[in-house]
Amino acid sequence: MKKVTRVMKIMAMGGAATPAKLGQKLGPYGIGAKFCTEFNAKTADRKEDLVPCILTIYEDKSFDIVLKTSPVTFLLKKAAKVEKGNSSIKDAPIHVTKDDIKKIAEYKMPELNVSSLEAAITCIEGTAKSMGIVID
């Protein structure tokens, strides 16, 4: 069994990881370019998405990548077509539809600690509310 050197969470846009952006995190382990090549190949179909992954680095400089679903906050902002959540009451309200919430809940379901789609929808609605997003 290989000895684990480090386990870390890395977030990058799908298909767009570069050693320049991730060099500080990966440089000390000597896997920057190899990681970026493999990550980009695995996430080529998710180009517009922020893709978190769990990276396990071994002593022999080999590594494993476990891809996760995009964060709920990122998905809500994407659905609302905004850069960031609504931070003040002065800002115009940001809207997403019930359908957007349902799609996000279905996508996130495997990673949420819930047993039903209704519970997943409630979780996503809570996140939207905390971001100042109005659900239509």
Protein backbone atom coordinates (compact mmCIF):
# COMPACT_ATOMS: atom_id res chain seq x y z
CA MET A 1 0.00 0.00 0.00
CA LYS A 2 1.30 3.45 -0.95
CA LYS A 3 2.03 5.99 1.76
CA VAL A 4 -0.13 9.13 1.58
CA THR A 5 1.83 12.39 1.66
CA ARG A 6 -1.09 14.84 1.57
CA VAL A 7 -4.85 15.03 0.98
CA MET A 8 -6.24 18.38 -0.15
CA LYS A 9 -9.30 19.92 -1.71
CA ILE A 10 -8.73 21.84 -4.92
CA MET A 11 -11.26 23.92 -6.86
CA ALA A 12 -10.75 24.91 -10.49
CA MET A 13 -12.89 25.63 -13.50
CA GLY A 14 -13.56 22.47 -15.49
CA GLY A 15 -10.94 21.88 -18.17
CA ALA A 16 -9.04 25.03 -17.17
CA ALA A 17 -6.61 24.06 -14.42
CA THR A 18 -3.13 25.48 -15.02
CA PRO A 19 0.17 25.00 -13.18
CA ALA A 20 0.41 28.81 -13.00
CA LYS A 21 -2.79 29.02 -10.92
CA LEU A 22 -2.21 25.89 -8.82
CA GLY A 23 1.59 26.03 -8.60
CA GLN A 24 1.69 27.33 -5.04
CA LYS A 25 -0.47 24.43 -3.80
CA LEU A 26 1.01 21.67 -5.95
CA GLY A 27 4.59 22.84 -6.51
CA PRO A 28 6.03 21.38 -3.30
CA TYR A 29 4.78 17.92 -4.34
CA GLY A 30 6.14 18.07 -7.92
CA ILE A 31 2.85 17.09 -9.57
CA GLY A 32 1.53 20.43 -10.90
CA ALA A 33 1.62 19.76 -14.65
CA LYS A 34 0.59 16.09 -14.33
CA PHE A 35 -2.35 16.99 -12.09
CA CYS A 36 -3.54 19.78 -14.42
CA THR A 37 -3.40 17.50 -17.47
CA GLU A 38 -5.39 14.74 -15.78
CA PHE A 39 -7.89 17.15 -14.13
CA ASN A 40 -8.52 18.94 -17.43
CA ALA A 41 -9.09 15.64 -19.25
CA LYS A 42 -11.56 14.45 -16.59
CA THR A 43 -13.45 17.77 -16.49
CA ALA A 44 -13.46 18.69 -20.19
CA ASP A 45 -17.26 18.21 -20.25
CA ARG A 46 -17.72 20.68 -17.34
CA LYS A 47 -16.02 23.74 -18.89
CA GLU A 48 -18.41 26.37 -17.45
CA ASP A 49 -18.43 24.85 -13.94
CA LEU A 50 -16.34 25.25 -10.83
CA VAL A 51 -15.22 21.68 -10.06
CA PRO A 52 -14.02 20.76 -6.58
CA CYS A 53 -11.92 17.65 -6.21
CA ILE A 54 -10.23 15.71 -3.44
CA LEU A 55 -6.58 15.18 -4.35
CA THR A 56 -4.64 12.44 -2.58
CA ILE A 57 -0.87 12.68 -3.14
CA TYR A 58 1.35 9.68 -2.43
CA GLU A 59 5.03 9.48 -1.47
CA ASP A 60 6.03 8.25 -4.96
CA LYS A 61 4.51 11.43 -6.52
CA SER A 62 1.50 9.52 -7.87
CA PHE A 63 -1.97 10.83 -7.01
CA ASP A 64 -5.69 10.12 -7.09
CA ILE A 65 -8.39 12.62 -8.04
CA VAL A 66 -11.99 12.30 -6.81
CA LEU A 67 -14.27 14.81 -8.55
CA LYS A 68 -17.17 16.36 -6.65
CA THR A 69 -20.28 18.25 -7.76
CA SER A 70 -20.06 22.03 -8.11
CA PRO A 71 -20.84 24.08 -4.96
CA VAL A 72 -24.48 25.11 -4.44
CA THR A 73 -23.54 28.79 -4.22
CA PHE A 74 -21.79 28.60 -7.61
CA LEU A 75 -24.80 26.82 -9.17
CA LEU A 76 -27.26 29.38 -7.76
CA LYS A 77 -25.19 32.30 -9.08
CA LYS A 78 -24.96 30.57 -12.46
CA ALA A 79 -28.75 30.01 -12.55
CA ALA A 80 -29.35 33.66 -11.60
CA LYS A 81 -26.67 34.82 -14.08
CA VAL A 82 -24.82 36.94 -11.48
CA GLU A 83 -21.23 37.16 -10.23
CA LYS A 84 -22.02 37.18 -6.50
CA GLY A 85 -24.92 36.88 -4.05
CA ASN A 86 -27.08 39.81 -2.97
CA SER A 87 -25.30 41.44 -0.02
CA SER A 88 -27.51 44.43 0.68
CA ILE A 89 -31.15 45.42 0.56
CA LYS A 90 -30.25 48.34 -1.74
CA ASP A 91 -29.29 45.92 -4.54
CA ALA A 92 -32.05 44.80 -6.90
CA PRO A 93 -33.27 41.34 -5.86
CA ILE A 94 -31.75 38.37 -7.65
CA HIS A 95 -34.22 35.75 -8.84
CA VAL A 96 -34.09 32.03 -9.61
CA THR A 97 -37.02 29.81 -10.51
CA LYS A 98 -38.40 26.81 -8.62
CA ASP A 99 -37.22 24.73 -11.63
CA ASP A 100 -33.63 26.01 -11.17
CA ILE A 101 -33.76 24.98 -7.50
CA LYS A 102 -35.10 21.52 -8.40
CA LYS A 103 -32.38 20.99 -11.06
CA ILE A 104 -29.65 21.99 -8.58
CA ALA A 105 -31.16 19.72 -5.89
CA GLU A 106 -31.24 16.75 -8.30
CA TYR A 107 -27.62 17.40 -9.31
CA LYS A 108 -26.40 17.77 -5.70
CA MET A 109 -28.50 14.91 -4.29
CA PRO A 110 -25.66 12.30 -4.14
CA GLU A 111 -23.52 14.61 -1.98
CA LEU A 112 -26.24 16.04 0.27
CA ASN A 113 -26.96 14.28 3.54
CA VAL A 114 -30.69 13.93 2.80
CA SER A 115 -33.02 11.05 1.96
CA SER A 116 -35.50 12.73 -0.38
CA LEU A 117 -35.60 15.23 -3.23
CA GLU A 118 -37.92 17.45 -1.15
CA ALA A 119 -35.30 17.64 1.62
CA ALA A 120 -32.61 18.44 -0.96
CA ILE A 121 -34.79 21.23 -2.41
CA THR A 122 -35.26 22.66 1.11
CA CYS A 123 -31.45 22.69 1.59
CA ILE A 124 -30.90 24.52 -1.71
CA GLU A 125 -33.69 27.01 -0.89
CA GLY A 126 -32.00 27.75 2.45
CA THR A 127 -28.71 28.48 0.72
CA ALA A 128 -30.48 30.72 -1.82
CA LYS A 129 -32.21 32.62 0.97
CA SER A 130 -28.92 33.16 2.84
CA MET A 131 -27.43 34.56 -0.39
CA GLY A 132 -30.32 37.03 -0.75
CA ILE A 133 -31.76 35.23 -3.77
CA VAL A 134 -35.52 35.32 -4.34
CA ILE A 135 -37.21 32.11 -5.54
CA ASP A 136 -40.07 32.62 -8.01
